[in-house]
Amino acid sequence: MVGRKVFSIPILLLSLLLMLFSGCSTSPAAPDGDDTKITVYTSFYTMYDFTLKISGGKVDVVNMVPSGMEPHNWEPSPRDIAGLSHADLFIYNGAGMEGWAEKVLASINNPKLLAIETSKDIKLNKAPHEPDHDEESKDTTRHSHDDLEYDPHVWLYPLNAKKQMEAIRDGLIQVDPQNSRFYQENFRVYAEKLDALDQAYQAAAATFTKKEIVVSHQAFGYLCDAYGLKQMAIEGLSSEFEPTPAKMAKIIDFVNEHDVRVIFFEELTSPKVAEEIARETGVTTALLNPLGGLAQESLDAGKEYFSVMEENLEALKQALK
């Protein structure tokens, strides 16, 4: 796919490292527990949460990205890859979200490993690219999600999330057919919850008097398209870089023009720029979570996809009514 991030470990070196780890007496990143269970690796938090919901404890699930870490530019270590090489199933988003996935999968010598790209049957949006960066701020050595061809944040629209859970269900059934009815029933329960969540967003959007939101990065395109909103992002598809002065001026003009009352920030990135724009324009800030990952504090509090999406809806209601 065009624009995917270049993986930094050469494939030859990677293969040698995998051979080294494979020769150890135990899998270094393999989960603890029943050795007879299916082992499933997931690429980042949302895929992990969806897989936990559908699998319901029937398999061992390992999330590759540590809690509290922003997944956009994370790359697996040799230890992570060695663990993945022993798995039965790998669940990932695709659409360029995991720029490392295809090369890592190609390097693994495990013909039994089934890889499920959960966005495969979802209609993807072209990635929006803004040619307004200052020339002096350009760094041709940097790679980011802003190079992607498509927007990968499909899970923030509940009906896309339902398609992703369906793909996870099918993958689990393929590697663990004896529990197929269990996975089918779990999917049915969560599919109904996702339909209800979509209906809640639709009902709320019908009452919004405003349609424009300012967000930390362009993660909310699918959600905005579904519910008639328009996002102005402080940064692009990645939240890695701060905006240029020209982009800051453009955002401030947008806030003033559309009478935006809230600047949204994210849980896993600094709110500094959002707070600066809020000070410049005399508005407030609030959390809108793109669900790429959750802080450990949120996980300890029992937050997960549905509770966070409900919190996001309440934040939108406060900002747009």
C-alpha atoms as a PDB file:
ATOM      1  CA  MET A   1       0.000   0.000   0.000  1.00  0.00           C
ATOM      2  CA  VAL A   2       1.259   3.476  -0.824  1.00  0.00           C
ATOM      3  CA  GLY A   3       2.717   5.464   2.026  1.00  0.00           C
ATOM      4  CA  ARG A   4       3.189   2.754   4.596  1.00  0.00           C
ATOM      5  CA  LYS A   5       5.891   3.340   7.182  1.00  0.00           C
ATOM      6  CA  VAL A   6       9.186   1.650   6.441  1.00  0.00           C
ATOM      7  CA  PHE A   7      10.004  -1.026   9.018  1.00  0.00           C
ATOM      8  CA  SER A   8      13.420  -0.359  10.459  1.00  0.00           C
ATOM      9  CA  ILE A   9      14.817  -3.903  11.017  1.00  0.00           C
ATOM     10  CA  PRO A  10      16.160  -5.594   7.830  1.00  0.00           C
ATOM     11  CA  ILE A  11      14.369  -8.831   7.046  1.00  0.00           C
ATOM     12  CA  LEU A  12      17.600 -10.874   7.091  1.00  0.00           C
ATOM     13  CA  LEU A  13      18.468  -9.634  10.573  1.00  0.00           C
ATOM     14  CA  LEU A  14      14.877 -10.187  11.615  1.00  0.00           C
ATOM     15  CA  SER A  15      14.988 -13.802  10.462  1.00  0.00           C
ATOM     16  CA  LEU A  16      18.191 -14.433  12.416  1.00  0.00           C
ATOM     17  CA  LEU A  17      16.653 -12.917  15.535  1.00  0.00           C
ATOM     18  CA  LEU A  18      13.563 -15.092  15.145  1.00  0.00           C
ATOM     19  CA  MET A  19      15.724 -18.198  14.832  1.00  0.00           C
ATOM     20  CA  LEU A  20      17.544 -17.207  17.998  1.00  0.00           C
ATOM     21  CA  PHE A  21      14.333 -16.712  19.966  1.00  0.00           C
ATOM     22  CA  SER A  22      12.750 -19.843  18.532  1.00  0.00           C
ATOM     23  CA  GLY A  23      15.662 -21.886  19.858  1.00  0.00           C
ATOM     24  CA  CYS A  24      14.913 -20.858  23.460  1.00  0.00           C
ATOM     25  CA  SER A  25      13.129 -23.260  25.782  1.00  0.00           C
ATOM     26  CA  THR A  26      10.133 -20.958  26.165  1.00  0.00           C
ATOM     27  CA  SER A  27       8.461 -18.412  23.947  1.00  0.00           C
ATOM     28  CA  PRO A  28       9.676 -15.078  25.366  1.00  0.00           C
ATOM     29  CA  ALA A  29       6.465 -13.191  24.718  1.00  0.00           C
ATOM     30  CA  ALA A  30       3.996 -16.064  24.930  1.00  0.00           C
ATOM     31  CA  PRO A  31       1.126 -15.548  27.414  1.00  0.00           C
ATOM     32  CA  ASP A  32       0.953 -17.427  30.687  1.00  0.00           C
ATOM     33  CA  GLY A  33      -1.834 -19.946  31.150  1.00  0.00           C
ATOM     34  CA  ASP A  34      -3.193 -23.130  29.625  1.00  0.00           C
ATOM     35  CA  ASP A  35      -0.820 -24.409  26.916  1.00  0.00           C
ATOM     36  CA  THR A  36      -3.760 -26.057  25.158  1.00  0.00           C
ATOM     37  CA  LYS A  37      -5.492 -22.735  24.554  1.00  0.00           C
ATOM     38  CA  ILE A  38      -5.390 -20.926  21.250  1.00  0.00           C
ATOM     39  CA  THR A  39      -2.980 -17.954  21.365  1.00  0.00           C
ATOM     40  CA  VAL A  40      -4.146 -14.739  19.704  1.00  0.00           C
ATOM     41  CA  TYR A  41      -1.973 -11.655  19.230  1.00  0.00           C
ATOM     42  CA  THR A  42      -3.586  -8.276  18.572  1.00  0.00           C
ATOM     43  CA  SER A  43      -1.875  -5.221  17.128  1.00  0.00           C
ATOM     44  CA  PHE A  44      -3.176  -2.480  19.468  1.00  0.00           C
ATOM     45  CA  TYR A  45      -5.790  -1.810  22.142  1.00  0.00           C
ATOM     46  CA  THR A  46      -8.992  -1.638  20.095  1.00  0.00           C
ATOM     47  CA  MET A  47      -8.249  -4.924  18.325  1.00  0.00           C
ATOM     48  CA  TYR A  48      -7.409  -6.417  21.734  1.00  0.00           C
ATOM     49  CA  ASP A  49     -10.672  -5.218  23.273  1.00  0.00           C
ATOM     50  CA  PHE A  50     -12.771  -6.486  20.356  1.00  0.00           C
ATOM     51  CA  THR A  51     -11.012  -9.860  20.484  1.00  0.00           C
ATOM     52  CA  LEU A  52     -11.553 -10.186  24.243  1.00  0.00           C
ATOM     53  CA  LYS A  53     -15.245  -9.504  23.743  1.00  0.00           C
ATOM     54  CA  ILE A  54     -15.765 -12.086  21.012  1.00  0.00           C
ATOM     55  CA  SER A  55     -13.440 -14.740  22.458  1.00  0.00           C
ATOM     56  CA  GLY A  56     -14.928 -14.494  25.964  1.00  0.00           C
ATOM     57  CA  GLY A  57     -11.964 -16.151  27.700  1.00  0.00           C
ATOM     58  CA  LYS A  58     -11.778 -19.170  25.394  1.00  0.00           C
ATOM     59  CA  VAL A  59      -8.341 -18.123  24.086  1.00  0.00           C
ATOM     60  CA  ASP A  60      -5.227 -16.379  25.395  1.00  0.00           C
ATOM     61  CA  VAL A  61      -5.118 -12.841  23.998  1.00  0.00           C
ATOM     62  CA  VAL A  62      -1.910 -10.768  23.927  1.00  0.00           C
ATOM     63  CA  ASN A  63      -1.958  -7.054  23.116  1.00  0.00           C
ATOM     64  CA  MET A  64       1.303  -6.098  21.421  1.00  0.00           C
ATOM     65  CA  VAL A  65       1.243  -2.349  22.220  1.00  0.00           C
ATOM     66  CA  PRO A  66       1.736  -1.670  25.950  1.00  0.00           C
ATOM     67  CA  SER A  67      -1.041   0.128  27.827  1.00  0.00           C
ATOM     68  CA  GLY A  68      -0.763   3.895  27.783  1.00  0.00           C
ATOM     69  CA  MET A  69       1.252   3.957  24.552  1.00  0.00           C
ATOM     70  CA  GLU A  70       0.048   5.733  21.418  1.00  0.00           C
ATOM     71  CA  PRO A  71       0.035   3.073  18.647  1.00  0.00           C
ATOM     72  CA  HIS A  72       0.480   5.177  15.518  1.00  0.00           C
ATOM     73  CA  ASN A  73       4.248   4.975  15.290  1.00  0.00           C
ATOM     74  CA  TRP A  74       4.930   2.029  17.586  1.00  0.00           C
ATOM     75  CA  GLU A  75       7.023  -0.802  16.153  1.00  0.00           C
ATOM     76  CA  PRO A  76       7.435  -4.336  17.531  1.00  0.00           C
ATOM     77  CA  SER A  77      10.700  -5.403  19.108  1.00  0.00           C
ATOM     78  CA  PRO A  78      12.374  -8.722  18.177  1.00  0.00           C
ATOM     79  CA  ARG A  79      10.851 -10.118  21.375  1.00  0.00           C
ATOM     80  CA  ASP A  80       7.352  -9.079  20.251  1.00  0.00           C
ATOM     81  CA  ILE A  81       7.917 -10.638  16.838  1.00  0.00           C
ATOM     82  CA  ALA A  82       9.209 -13.849  18.358  1.00  0.00           C
ATOM     83  CA  GLY A  83       6.055 -14.117  20.453  1.00  0.00           C
ATOM     84  CA  LEU A  84       3.880 -13.452  17.419  1.00  0.00           C
ATOM     85  CA  SER A  85       5.697 -16.199  15.523  1.00  0.00           C
ATOM     86  CA  HIS A  86       4.309 -18.747  18.025  1.00  0.00           C
ATOM     87  CA  ALA A  87       0.709 -17.493  17.856  1.00  0.00           C
ATOM     88  CA  ASP A  88      -2.251 -19.192  16.186  1.00  0.00           C
ATOM     89  CA  LEU A  89      -4.057 -16.016  15.163  1.00  0.00           C
ATOM     90  CA  PHE A  90      -3.048 -12.398  14.569  1.00  0.00           C
ATOM     91  CA  ILE A  91      -5.748  -9.718  14.609  1.00  0.00           C
ATOM     92  CA  TYR A  92      -4.887  -6.318  13.159  1.00  0.00           C
ATOM     93  CA  ASN A  93      -6.713  -3.289  11.815  1.00  0.00           C
ATOM     94  CA  GLY A  94      -4.960  -2.816   8.485  1.00  0.00           C
ATOM     95  CA  ALA A  95      -5.472   0.163   6.160  1.00  0.00           C
ATOM     96  CA  GLY A  96      -1.941   1.215   7.091  1.00  0.00           C
ATOM     97  CA  MET A  97      -2.550   1.541  10.834  1.00  0.00           C
ATOM     98  CA  GLU A  98       0.217  -0.999  11.492  1.00  0.00           C
ATOM     99  CA  GLY A  99       2.895  -0.003   8.994  1.00  0.00           C
ATOM    100  CA  TRP A 100       5.072  -2.873  10.206  1.00  0.00           C
ATOM    101  CA  ALA A 101       2.535  -5.700   9.878  1.00  0.00           C
ATOM    102  CA  GLU A 102       3.020  -6.950   6.332  1.00  0.00           C
ATOM    103  CA  LYS A 103       6.823  -7.147   6.486  1.00  0.00           C
ATOM    104  CA  VAL A 104       6.761  -8.796   9.905  1.00  0.00           C
ATOM    105  CA  LEU A 105       4.213 -11.376   8.754  1.00  0.00           C
ATOM    106  CA  ALA A 106       6.288 -12.110   5.672  1.00  0.00           C
ATOM    107  CA  SER A 107       9.324 -12.752   7.892  1.00  0.00           C
ATOM    108  CA  ILE A 108       7.601 -15.269  10.175  1.00  0.00           C
ATOM    109  CA  ASN A 109       8.020 -18.952   9.352  1.00  0.00           C
ATOM    110  CA  ASN A 110       4.750 -20.259  10.779  1.00  0.00           C
ATOM    111  CA  PRO A 111       2.353 -21.551   8.117  1.00  0.00           C
ATOM    112  CA  LYS A 112      -0.311 -22.149  10.784  1.00  0.00           C
ATOM    113  CA  LEU A 113      -0.479 -18.474  11.804  1.00  0.00           C
ATOM    114  CA  LEU A 114      -3.727 -16.958  10.519  1.00  0.00           C
ATOM    115  CA  ALA A 115      -3.674 -13.175  10.059  1.00  0.00           C
ATOM    116  CA  ILE A 116      -7.007 -11.292   9.998  1.00  0.00           C
ATOM    117  CA  GLU A 117      -7.069  -7.723   8.623  1.00  0.00           C
ATOM    118  CA  THR A 118     -10.303  -6.492  10.168  1.00  0.00           C
ATOM    119  CA  SER A 119     -10.756  -3.461   7.884  1.00  0.00           C
ATOM    120  CA  LYS A 120     -10.475  -5.550   4.713  1.00  0.00           C
ATOM    121  CA  ASP A 121     -14.201  -5.458   3.848  1.00  0.00           C
ATOM    122  CA  ILE A 122     -14.775  -1.860   4.962  1.00  0.00           C
ATOM    123  CA  LYS A 123     -15.014   0.968   2.441  1.00  0.00           C
ATOM    124  CA  LEU A 124     -12.022   3.137   3.278  1.00  0.00           C
ATOM    125  CA  ASN A 125     -11.844   6.912   3.083  1.00  0.00           C
ATOM    126  CA  LYS A 126      -8.969   8.469   1.215  1.00  0.00           C
ATOM    127  CA  ALA A 127      -6.565  10.079   3.663  1.00  0.00           C
ATOM    128  CA  PRO A 128      -6.919  13.867   3.749  1.00  0.00           C
ATOM    129  CA  HIS A 129      -3.618  15.649   3.118  1.00  0.00           C
ATOM    130  CA  GLU A 130      -3.125  19.351   3.666  1.00  0.00           C
ATOM    131  CA  PRO A 131      -0.335  21.058   1.696  1.00  0.00           C
ATOM    132  CA  ASP A 132       0.008  23.903   4.184  1.00  0.00           C
ATOM    133  CA  HIS A 133       3.166  22.945   6.097  1.00  0.00           C
ATOM    134  CA  ASP A 134       5.889  25.575   6.187  1.00  0.00           C
ATOM    135  CA  GLU A 135       8.811  24.716   3.929  1.00  0.00           C
ATOM    136  CA  GLU A 136      11.323  25.130   6.748  1.00  0.00           C
ATOM    137  CA  SER A 137       9.430  22.642   8.914  1.00  0.00           C
ATOM    138  CA  LYS A 138       9.678  19.810   6.412  1.00  0.00           C
ATOM    139  CA  ASP A 139      11.838  16.826   7.343  1.00  0.00           C
ATOM    140  CA  THR A 140      12.191  14.283   4.558  1.00  0.00           C
ATOM    141  CA  THR A 141      13.549  11.691   6.995  1.00  0.00           C
ATOM    142  CA  ARG A 142      10.304  11.562   8.966  1.00  0.00           C
ATOM    143  CA  HIS A 143       7.632   8.972   8.300  1.00  0.00           C
ATOM    144  CA  SER A 144       4.169   9.258   9.808  1.00  0.00           C
ATOM    145  CA  HIS A 145       0.582   8.258   9.299  1.00  0.00           C
ATOM    146  CA  ASP A 146       0.212  11.478   7.320  1.00  0.00           C
ATOM    147  CA  ASP A 147       1.847   9.574   4.420  1.00  0.00           C
ATOM    148  CA  LEU A 148      -0.978   7.047   4.245  1.00  0.00           C
ATOM    149  CA  GLU A 149      -3.282   6.543   1.291  1.00  0.00           C
ATOM    150  CA  TYR A 150      -6.311   5.749   3.476  1.00  0.00           C
ATOM    151  CA  ASP A 151      -7.647   6.819   6.856  1.00  0.00           C
ATOM    152  CA  PRO A 152      -7.252   3.754   9.113  1.00  0.00           C
ATOM    153  CA  HIS A 153      -9.474   4.893  12.038  1.00  0.00           C
ATOM    154  CA  VAL A 154     -12.487   2.858  10.927  1.00  0.00           C
ATOM    155  CA  TRP A 155     -13.459   1.595  14.417  1.00  0.00           C
ATOM    156  CA  LEU A 156     -14.800   4.980  15.549  1.00  0.00           C
ATOM    157  CA  TYR A 157     -17.953   4.378  13.485  1.00  0.00           C
ATOM    158  CA  PRO A 158     -19.901   1.656  15.352  1.00  0.00           C
ATOM    159  CA  LEU A 159     -21.131  -0.085  12.212  1.00  0.00           C
ATOM    160  CA  ASN A 160     -17.540  -0.403  11.003  1.00  0.00           C
ATOM    161  CA  ALA A 161     -16.637  -1.795  14.412  1.00  0.00           C
ATOM    162  CA  LYS A 162     -19.365  -4.392  13.897  1.00  0.00           C
ATOM    163  CA  LYS A 163     -17.716  -5.502  10.649  1.00  0.00           C
ATOM    164  CA  GLN A 164     -14.396  -5.741  12.455  1.00  0.00           C
ATOM    165  CA  MET A 165     -15.892  -7.883  15.216  1.00  0.00           C
ATOM    166  CA  GLU A 166     -17.439 -10.084  12.550  1.00  0.00           C
ATOM    167  CA  ALA A 167     -14.011 -10.597  10.967  1.00  0.00           C
ATOM    168  CA  ILE A 168     -12.580 -11.448  14.400  1.00  0.00           C
ATOM    169  CA  ARG A 169     -15.409 -13.929  14.972  1.00  0.00           C
ATOM    170  CA  ASP A 170     -14.667 -15.638  11.667  1.00  0.00           C
ATOM    171  CA  GLY A 171     -10.960 -15.811  12.469  1.00  0.00           C
ATOM    172  CA  LEU A 172     -11.605 -17.358  15.873  1.00  0.00           C
ATOM    173  CA  ILE A 173     -13.954 -19.932  14.354  1.00  0.00           C
ATOM    174  CA  GLN A 174     -11.329 -20.845  11.766  1.00  0.00           C
ATOM    175  CA  VAL A 175      -8.623 -21.563  14.364  1.00  0.00           C
ATOM    176  CA  ASP A 176     -10.958 -22.897  17.070  1.00  0.00           C
ATOM    177  CA  PRO A 177     -13.999 -24.456  15.342  1.00  0.00           C
ATOM    178  CA  GLN A 178     -15.094 -26.419  18.406  1.00  0.00           C
ATOM    179  CA  ASN A 179     -16.159 -23.133  20.053  1.00  0.00           C
ATOM    180  CA  SER A 180     -17.836 -21.678  16.959  1.00  0.00           C
ATOM    181  CA  ARG A 181     -21.290 -21.400  18.542  1.00  0.00           C
ATOM    182  CA  PHE A 182     -19.822 -19.540  21.510  1.00  0.00           C
ATOM    183  CA  TYR A 183     -18.116 -17.000  19.228  1.00  0.00           C
ATOM    184  CA  GLN A 184     -21.223 -16.597  17.104  1.00  0.00           C
ATOM    185  CA  GLU A 185     -23.353 -15.867  20.159  1.00  0.00           C
ATOM    186  CA  ASN A 186     -20.873 -13.353  21.536  1.00  0.00           C
ATOM    187  CA  PHE A 187     -20.789 -11.607  18.184  1.00  0.00           C
ATOM    188  CA  ARG A 188     -24.595 -11.454  18.121  1.00  0.00           C
ATOM    189  CA  VAL A 189     -24.667  -9.788  21.552  1.00  0.00           C
ATOM    190  CA  TYR A 190     -22.054  -7.185  20.661  1.00  0.00           C
ATOM    191  CA  ALA A 191     -23.496  -6.564  17.207  1.00  0.00           C
ATOM    192  CA  GLU A 192     -26.766  -5.571  18.898  1.00  0.00           C
ATOM    193  CA  LYS A 193     -24.851  -3.268  21.251  1.00  0.00           C
ATOM    194  CA  LEU A 194     -23.095  -1.643  18.307  1.00  0.00           C
ATOM    195  CA  ASP A 195     -26.409  -1.119  16.516  1.00  0.00           C
ATOM    196  CA  ALA A 196     -27.771   0.539  19.670  1.00  0.00           C
ATOM    197  CA  LEU A 197     -24.667   2.730  19.940  1.00  0.00           C
ATOM    198  CA  ASP A 198     -25.066   3.815  16.329  1.00  0.00           C
ATOM    199  CA  GLN A 199     -28.712   4.684  16.978  1.00  0.00           C
ATOM    200  CA  ALA A 200     -27.721   6.746  20.029  1.00  0.00           C
ATOM    201  CA  TYR A 201     -25.240   8.722  17.930  1.00  0.00           C
ATOM    202  CA  GLN A 202     -27.827   9.239  15.192  1.00  0.00           C
ATOM    203  CA  ALA A 203     -30.427  10.490  17.674  1.00  0.00           C
ATOM    204  CA  ALA A 204     -27.974  12.890  19.286  1.00  0.00           C
ATOM    205  CA  ALA A 205     -26.660  14.196  15.960  1.00  0.00           C
ATOM    206  CA  ALA A 206     -30.224  15.082  14.935  1.00  0.00           C
ATOM    207  CA  THR A 207     -30.325  17.542  17.843  1.00  0.00           C
ATOM    208  CA  PHE A 208     -26.956  19.208  17.269  1.00  0.00           C
ATOM    209  CA  THR A 209     -27.130  22.887  16.382  1.00  0.00           C
ATOM    210  CA  LYS A 210     -23.468  22.920  15.412  1.00  0.00           C
ATOM    211  CA  LYS A 211     -21.625  20.498  13.139  1.00  0.00           C
ATOM    212  CA  GLU A 212     -17.964  21.563  13.350  1.00  0.00           C
ATOM    213  CA  ILE A 213     -15.439  20.084  15.796  1.00  0.00           C
ATOM    214  CA  VAL A 214     -11.744  20.785  16.372  1.00  0.00           C
ATOM    215  CA  VAL A 215      -9.777  17.651  17.310  1.00  0.00           C
ATOM    216  CA  SER A 216      -6.164  16.741  18.053  1.00  0.00           C
ATOM    217  CA  HIS A 217      -5.721  14.638  14.911  1.00  0.00           C
ATOM    218  CA  GLN A 218      -7.789  13.411  12.000  1.00  0.00           C
ATOM    219  CA  ALA A 219      -9.073  10.261  13.670  1.00  0.00           C
ATOM    220  CA  PHE A 220     -12.781  11.036  13.503  1.00  0.00           C
ATOM    221  CA  GLY A 221     -13.446  11.095   9.764  1.00  0.00           C
ATOM    222  CA  TYR A 222     -15.626   7.970   9.658  1.00  0.00           C
ATOM    223  CA  LEU A 223     -17.601   9.107  12.704  1.00  0.00           C
ATOM    224  CA  CYS A 224     -18.078  12.590  11.224  1.00  0.00           C
ATOM    225  CA  ASP A 225     -19.169  11.219   7.853  1.00  0.00           C
ATOM    226  CA  ALA A 226     -21.717   8.939   9.510  1.00  0.00           C
ATOM    227  CA  TYR A 227     -23.323  11.633  11.663  1.00  0.00           C
ATOM    228  CA  GLY A 228     -23.044  14.757   9.537  1.00  0.00           C
ATOM    229  CA  LEU A 229     -20.147  16.422  11.345  1.00  0.00           C
ATOM    230  CA  LYS A 230     -17.010  18.162  10.088  1.00  0.00           C
ATOM    231  CA  GLN A 231     -13.630  17.855  11.795  1.00  0.00           C
ATOM    232  CA  MET A 232     -10.800  20.354  11.760  1.00  0.00           C
ATOM    233  CA  ALA A 233      -7.680  18.595  12.986  1.00  0.00           C
ATOM    234  CA  ILE A 234      -4.753  20.216  14.753  1.00  0.00           C
ATOM    235  CA  GLU A 235      -2.595  17.545  13.142  1.00  0.00           C
ATOM    236  CA  GLY A 236      -3.082  14.900  10.460  1.00  0.00           C
ATOM    237  CA  LEU A 237      -3.697  11.163  10.752  1.00  0.00           C
ATOM    238  CA  SER A 238      -0.864  10.949  13.265  1.00  0.00           C
ATOM    239  CA  SER A 239      -0.766  12.967  16.484  1.00  0.00           C
ATOM    240  CA  GLU A 240       3.034  12.908  16.432  1.00  0.00           C
ATOM    241  CA  PHE A 241       3.907  16.432  15.303  1.00  0.00           C
ATOM    242  CA  GLU A 242       2.887  19.913  16.387  1.00  0.00           C
ATOM    243  CA  PRO A 243       1.193  22.199  13.830  1.00  0.00           C
ATOM    244  CA  THR A 244       3.014  24.972  12.023  1.00  0.00           C
ATOM    245  CA  PRO A 245       2.183  28.643  12.741  1.00  0.00           C
ATOM    246  CA  ALA A 246       0.224  28.738   9.473  1.00  0.00           C
ATOM    247  CA  LYS A 247      -1.869  25.746  10.545  1.00  0.00           C
ATOM    248  CA  MET A 248      -2.442  27.292  13.989  1.00  0.00           C
ATOM    249  CA  ALA A 249      -3.734  30.476  12.359  1.00  0.00           C
ATOM    250  CA  LYS A 250      -6.033  28.417  10.130  1.00  0.00           C
ATOM    251  CA  ILE A 251      -7.482  26.575  13.131  1.00  0.00           C
ATOM    252  CA  ILE A 252      -8.050  29.793  15.059  1.00  0.00           C
ATOM    253  CA  ASP A 253      -9.873  31.263  12.042  1.00  0.00           C
ATOM    254  CA  PHE A 254     -12.003  28.094  11.836  1.00  0.00           C
ATOM    255  CA  VAL A 255     -12.910  28.329  15.534  1.00  0.00           C
ATOM    256  CA  ASN A 256     -13.952  31.952  15.209  1.00  0.00           C
ATOM    257  CA  GLU A 257     -15.806  31.484  11.918  1.00  0.00           C
ATOM    258  CA  HIS A 258     -17.886  28.532  13.143  1.00  0.00           C
ATOM    259  CA  ASP A 259     -18.305  29.643  16.753  1.00  0.00           C
ATOM    260  CA  VAL A 260     -16.610  26.472  18.000  1.00  0.00           C
ATOM    261  CA  ARG A 261     -16.893  26.293  21.786  1.00  0.00           C
ATOM    262  CA  VAL A 262     -14.680  23.276  22.601  1.00  0.00           C
ATOM    263  CA  ILE A 263     -11.227  22.161  21.463  1.00  0.00           C
ATOM    264  CA  PHE A 264     -10.891  18.403  21.855  1.00  0.00           C
ATOM    265  CA  PHE A 265      -7.698  16.753  23.077  1.00  0.00           C
ATOM    266  CA  GLU A 266      -6.761  13.081  23.520  1.00  0.00           C
ATOM    267  CA  GLU A 267      -5.910  10.865  26.460  1.00  0.00           C
ATOM    268  CA  LEU A 268      -2.490   9.644  25.309  1.00  0.00           C
ATOM    269  CA  THR A 269      -1.055  12.847  23.824  1.00  0.00           C
ATOM    270  CA  SER A 270      -0.203  16.210  25.310  1.00  0.00           C
ATOM    271  CA  PRO A 271      -3.105  18.703  25.473  1.00  0.00           C
ATOM    272  CA  LYS A 272      -0.641  21.620  25.198  1.00  0.00           C
ATOM    273  CA  VAL A 273      -1.585  22.742  21.668  1.00  0.00           C
ATOM    274  CA  ALA A 274      -5.328  22.317  22.281  1.00  0.00           C
ATOM    275  CA  GLU A 275      -5.006  24.418  25.429  1.00  0.00           C
ATOM    276  CA  GLU A 276      -3.050  27.085  23.559  1.00  0.00           C
ATOM    277  CA  ILE A 277      -5.746  27.351  20.874  1.00  0.00           C
ATOM    278  CA  ALA A 278      -8.433  27.465  23.580  1.00  0.00           C
ATOM    279  CA  ARG A 279      -6.630  30.356  25.296  1.00  0.00           C
ATOM    280  CA  GLU A 280      -6.270  32.232  22.001  1.00  0.00           C
ATOM    281  CA  THR A 281      -9.956  31.865  21.180  1.00  0.00           C
ATOM    282  CA  GLY A 282     -11.531  32.006  24.645  1.00  0.00           C
ATOM    283  CA  VAL A 283     -13.083  28.536  24.497  1.00  0.00           C
ATOM    284  CA  THR A 284     -12.749  25.395  26.636  1.00  0.00           C
ATOM    285  CA  THR A 285     -11.117  22.011  26.136  1.00  0.00           C
ATOM    286  CA  ALA A 286     -12.526  18.491  26.537  1.00  0.00           C
ATOM    287  CA  LEU A 287     -11.466  14.894  25.957  1.00  0.00           C
ATOM    288  CA  LEU A 288     -12.495  13.070  22.778  1.00  0.00           C
ATOM    289  CA  ASN A 289     -10.852   9.662  22.734  1.00  0.00           C
ATOM    290  CA  PRO A 290      -9.848   8.040  19.400  1.00  0.00           C
ATOM    291  CA  LEU A 291      -9.453   4.677  21.184  1.00  0.00           C
ATOM    292  CA  GLY A 292      -6.115   3.758  19.719  1.00  0.00           C
ATOM    293  CA  GLY A 293      -5.077   2.986  23.268  1.00  0.00           C
ATOM    294  CA  LEU A 294      -6.083   3.666  26.858  1.00  0.00           C
ATOM    295  CA  ALA A 295      -4.018   4.853  29.797  1.00  0.00           C
ATOM    296  CA  GLN A 296      -3.474   2.296  32.528  1.00  0.00           C
ATOM    297  CA  GLU A 297      -5.625   4.398  34.852  1.00  0.00           C
ATOM    298  CA  SER A 298      -8.552   4.102  32.437  1.00  0.00           C
ATOM    299  CA  LEU A 299      -8.044   0.359  32.078  1.00  0.00           C
ATOM    300  CA  ASP A 300      -7.951  -0.015  35.868  1.00  0.00           C
ATOM    301  CA  ALA A 301     -11.240   1.881  36.025  1.00  0.00           C
ATOM    302  CA  GLY A 302     -12.830  -0.695  33.698  1.00  0.00           C
ATOM    303  CA  LYS A 303     -13.130   1.514  30.636  1.00  0.00           C
ATOM    304  CA  GLU A 304     -13.478  -0.209  27.248  1.00  0.00           C
ATOM    305  CA  TYR A 305     -14.805   0.478  23.758  1.00  0.00           C
ATOM    306  CA  PHE A 306     -18.460   1.008  24.636  1.00  0.00           C
ATOM    307  CA  SER A 307     -17.931   3.092  27.757  1.00  0.00           C
ATOM    308  CA  VAL A 308     -15.414   5.328  25.956  1.00  0.00           C
ATOM    309  CA  MET A 309     -17.675   5.733  22.922  1.00  0.00           C
ATOM    310  CA  GLU A 310     -20.515   6.723  25.266  1.00  0.00           C
ATOM    311  CA  GLU A 311     -18.212   9.274  26.936  1.00  0.00           C
ATOM    312  CA  ASN A 312     -17.300  10.589  23.483  1.00  0.00           C
ATOM    313  CA  LEU A 313     -20.979  10.990  22.666  1.00  0.00           C
ATOM    314  CA  GLU A 314     -21.588  12.962  25.869  1.00  0.00           C
ATOM    315  CA  ALA A 315     -18.620  15.206  25.034  1.00  0.00           C
ATOM    316  CA  LEU A 316     -20.050  15.862  21.570  1.00  0.00           C
ATOM    317  CA  LYS A 317     -23.451  16.640  23.023  1.00  0.00           C
ATOM    318  CA  GLN A 318     -21.937  19.227  25.358  1.00  0.00           C
ATOM    319  CA  ALA A 319     -19.964  20.814  22.537  1.00  0.00           C
ATOM    320  CA  LEU A 320     -22.569  20.820  19.768  1.00  0.00           C
ATOM    321  CA  LYS A 321     -25.968  21.351  21.356  1.00  0.00           C
END
